[in-house]
Amino acid sequence: MTADPLGDLAKAKSGLSSPAAPADASDPFDYVVQVGAYRTSADADAQKAKLALMGLDAKVSERDQAGRVVYRVRLGPFKDKNAAERIRTQLESSGIENTLVRVQR
């Protein structure tokens, strides 16, 4: 089990193993890279600080999930999927699990 069970669930359900469509101007989505979902704001802030040391500006957002507040740590939004993928590669090379999330514009 990892420190980010909600992220693991999202990764499993998002079908990231399927081939991605090429990014183009008609892409109706923005992309964010989620780097964790935590039960406490302190844990989310710690992850945000770790990313800041890497030169990455993350944001923490609160979301109600099944009656419980979850603190999501995200980078972006990125207009272009390739930009988000470059950040994902950087995170993975540092051993940081992450998930690409599409957001309707």
C-alpha atoms as a PDB file:
ATOM      1  CA  MET A   1       0.000   0.000   0.000  1.00  0.00           C
ATOM      2  CA  THR A   2       1.315   3.466  -0.812  1.00  0.00           C
ATOM      3  CA  ALA A   3       0.867   6.766   0.997  1.00  0.00           C
ATOM      4  CA  ASP A   4      -1.675   7.777  -1.650  1.00  0.00           C
ATOM      5  CA  PRO A   5      -4.466   5.160  -1.806  1.00  0.00           C
ATOM      6  CA  LEU A   6      -6.900   7.588  -3.448  1.00  0.00           C
ATOM      7  CA  GLY A   7      -4.342   8.409  -6.131  1.00  0.00           C
ATOM      8  CA  ASP A   8      -3.748   4.709  -6.707  1.00  0.00           C
ATOM      9  CA  LEU A   9      -7.488   4.186  -7.102  1.00  0.00           C
ATOM     10  CA  ALA A  10      -7.728   7.113  -9.529  1.00  0.00           C
ATOM     11  CA  LYS A  11      -4.793   5.736 -11.523  1.00  0.00           C
ATOM     12  CA  ALA A  12      -6.413   2.297 -11.691  1.00  0.00           C
ATOM     13  CA  LYS A  13      -9.755   3.721 -12.849  1.00  0.00           C
ATOM     14  CA  SER A  14      -8.391   6.282 -15.320  1.00  0.00           C
ATOM     15  CA  GLY A  15      -7.024   3.735 -17.798  1.00  0.00           C
ATOM     16  CA  LEU A  16      -3.657   5.480 -18.165  1.00  0.00           C
ATOM     17  CA  SER A  17      -2.294   2.443 -19.973  1.00  0.00           C
ATOM     18  CA  SER A  18      -4.378   3.243 -23.043  1.00  0.00           C
ATOM     19  CA  PRO A  19      -2.599   5.210 -25.785  1.00  0.00           C
ATOM     20  CA  ALA A  20      -3.050   8.952 -25.487  1.00  0.00           C
ATOM     21  CA  ALA A  21      -4.501  11.004 -28.289  1.00  0.00           C
ATOM     22  CA  PRO A  22      -2.049  13.538 -29.715  1.00  0.00           C
ATOM     23  CA  ALA A  23      -2.317  16.957 -28.090  1.00  0.00           C
ATOM     24  CA  ASP A  24      -3.623  19.682 -30.354  1.00  0.00           C
ATOM     25  CA  ALA A  25      -5.433  23.011 -30.163  1.00  0.00           C
ATOM     26  CA  SER A  26      -8.828  21.293 -30.300  1.00  0.00           C
ATOM     27  CA  ASP A  27      -8.082  19.389 -27.065  1.00  0.00           C
ATOM     28  CA  PRO A  28     -11.002  20.373 -24.773  1.00  0.00           C
ATOM     29  CA  PHE A  29      -9.045  19.550 -21.597  1.00  0.00           C
ATOM     30  CA  ASP A  30      -6.493  21.083 -19.288  1.00  0.00           C
ATOM     31  CA  TYR A  31      -4.214  18.699 -17.435  1.00  0.00           C
ATOM     32  CA  VAL A  32      -3.126  18.629 -13.811  1.00  0.00           C
ATOM     33  CA  VAL A  33      -0.655  16.293 -12.177  1.00  0.00           C
ATOM     34  CA  GLN A  34      -1.922  15.020  -8.840  1.00  0.00           C
ATOM     35  CA  VAL A  35       0.895  14.198  -6.457  1.00  0.00           C
ATOM     36  CA  GLY A  36      -1.151  12.975  -3.530  1.00  0.00           C
ATOM     37  CA  ALA A  37      -4.442  12.998  -1.657  1.00  0.00           C
ATOM     38  CA  TYR A  38      -4.202  13.197   2.115  1.00  0.00           C
ATOM     39  CA  ARG A  39      -6.499  13.097   5.121  1.00  0.00           C
ATOM     40  CA  THR A  40      -4.750  15.989   6.886  1.00  0.00           C
ATOM     41  CA  SER A  41      -3.714  19.399   5.644  1.00  0.00           C
ATOM     42  CA  ALA A  42      -0.353  18.930   7.413  1.00  0.00           C
ATOM     43  CA  ASP A  43       0.459  15.893   5.237  1.00  0.00           C
ATOM     44  CA  ALA A  44      -0.595  17.775   2.105  1.00  0.00           C
ATOM     45  CA  ASP A  45       1.508  20.798   3.100  1.00  0.00           C
ATOM     46  CA  ALA A  46       4.519  18.530   3.694  1.00  0.00           C
ATOM     47  CA  GLN A  47       4.196  17.140   0.149  1.00  0.00           C
ATOM     48  CA  LYS A  48       3.779  20.677  -1.224  1.00  0.00           C
ATOM     49  CA  ALA A  49       6.987  21.726   0.580  1.00  0.00           C
ATOM     50  CA  LYS A  50       8.872  18.717  -0.828  1.00  0.00           C
ATOM     51  CA  LEU A  51       7.799  19.759  -4.332  1.00  0.00           C
ATOM     52  CA  ALA A  52       8.815  23.377  -3.655  1.00  0.00           C
ATOM     53  CA  LEU A  53      12.340  22.145  -2.884  1.00  0.00           C
ATOM     54  CA  MET A  54      12.326  20.641  -6.400  1.00  0.00           C
ATOM     55  CA  GLY A  55      11.308  24.038  -7.833  1.00  0.00           C
ATOM     56  CA  LEU A  56       7.683  23.004  -8.442  1.00  0.00           C
ATOM     57  CA  ASP A  57       4.744  25.173  -7.394  1.00  0.00           C
ATOM     58  CA  ALA A  58       1.997  22.854  -6.134  1.00  0.00           C
ATOM     59  CA  LYS A  59      -1.435  23.807  -4.873  1.00  0.00           C
ATOM     60  CA  VAL A  60      -3.466  22.124  -2.152  1.00  0.00           C
ATOM     61  CA  SER A  61      -7.223  21.875  -2.645  1.00  0.00           C
ATOM     62  CA  GLU A  62      -9.879  20.458  -0.350  1.00  0.00           C
ATOM     63  CA  ARG A  63     -12.485  18.053  -1.639  1.00  0.00           C
ATOM     64  CA  ASP A  64     -15.288  16.262   0.134  1.00  0.00           C
ATOM     65  CA  GLN A  65     -15.045  12.563  -0.604  1.00  0.00           C
ATOM     66  CA  ALA A  66     -17.702  10.297   0.882  1.00  0.00           C
ATOM     67  CA  GLY A  67     -18.296  12.690   3.770  1.00  0.00           C
ATOM     68  CA  ARG A  68     -14.600  13.130   4.537  1.00  0.00           C
ATOM     69  CA  VAL A  69     -12.337  16.018   3.554  1.00  0.00           C
ATOM     70  CA  VAL A  70      -9.408  15.028   1.338  1.00  0.00           C
ATOM     71  CA  TYR A  71      -6.510  17.405   0.677  1.00  0.00           C
ATOM     72  CA  ARG A  72      -5.252  17.033  -2.893  1.00  0.00           C
ATOM     73  CA  VAL A  73      -1.778  18.187  -3.917  1.00  0.00           C
ATOM     74  CA  ARG A  74      -1.686  19.146  -7.586  1.00  0.00           C
ATOM     75  CA  LEU A  75       0.587  20.800 -10.146  1.00  0.00           C
ATOM     76  CA  GLY A  76      -0.857  22.768 -13.042  1.00  0.00           C
ATOM     77  CA  PRO A  77      -3.138  23.266 -14.833  1.00  0.00           C
ATOM     78  CA  PHE A  78      -1.262  22.672 -18.062  1.00  0.00           C
ATOM     79  CA  LYS A  79      -2.914  23.553 -21.400  1.00  0.00           C
ATOM     80  CA  ASP A  80      -0.892  20.896 -23.180  1.00  0.00           C
ATOM     81  CA  LYS A  81      -0.633  17.232 -22.229  1.00  0.00           C
ATOM     82  CA  ASN A  82       3.051  17.089 -23.229  1.00  0.00           C
ATOM     83  CA  ALA A  83       3.931  19.749 -20.638  1.00  0.00           C
ATOM     84  CA  ALA A  84       2.139  17.726 -17.953  1.00  0.00           C
ATOM     85  CA  GLU A  85       3.941  14.562 -19.083  1.00  0.00           C
ATOM     86  CA  ARG A  86       7.334  16.302 -18.732  1.00  0.00           C
ATOM     87  CA  ILE A  87       6.487  17.144 -15.106  1.00  0.00           C
ATOM     88  CA  ARG A  88       5.351  13.546 -14.517  1.00  0.00           C
ATOM     89  CA  THR A  89       8.673  12.256 -15.850  1.00  0.00           C
ATOM     90  CA  GLN A  90      10.574  14.607 -13.530  1.00  0.00           C
ATOM     91  CA  LEU A  91       8.506  13.447 -10.544  1.00  0.00           C
ATOM     92  CA  GLU A  92       8.896   9.765 -11.382  1.00  0.00           C
ATOM     93  CA  SER A  93      12.679  10.133 -11.734  1.00  0.00           C
ATOM     94  CA  SER A  94      12.628  11.463  -8.145  1.00  0.00           C
ATOM     95  CA  GLY A  95      10.537   8.503  -6.974  1.00  0.00           C
ATOM     96  CA  ILE A  96       7.338  10.538  -6.515  1.00  0.00           C
ATOM     97  CA  GLU A  97       4.133   8.765  -7.510  1.00  0.00           C
ATOM     98  CA  ASN A  98       1.680  10.868  -9.475  1.00  0.00           C
ATOM     99  CA  THR A  99      -1.396  10.720 -11.654  1.00  0.00           C
ATOM    100  CA  LEU A 100      -2.353  12.720 -14.736  1.00  0.00           C
ATOM    101  CA  VAL A 101      -5.859  14.184 -14.404  1.00  0.00           C
ATOM    102  CA  ARG A 102      -7.841  15.674 -17.299  1.00  0.00           C
ATOM    103  CA  VAL A 103     -10.046  18.629 -16.462  1.00  0.00           C
ATOM    104  CA  GLN A 104     -12.734  19.876 -18.854  1.00  0.00           C
ATOM    105  CA  ARG A 105     -12.037  23.493 -19.883  1.00  0.00           C
END
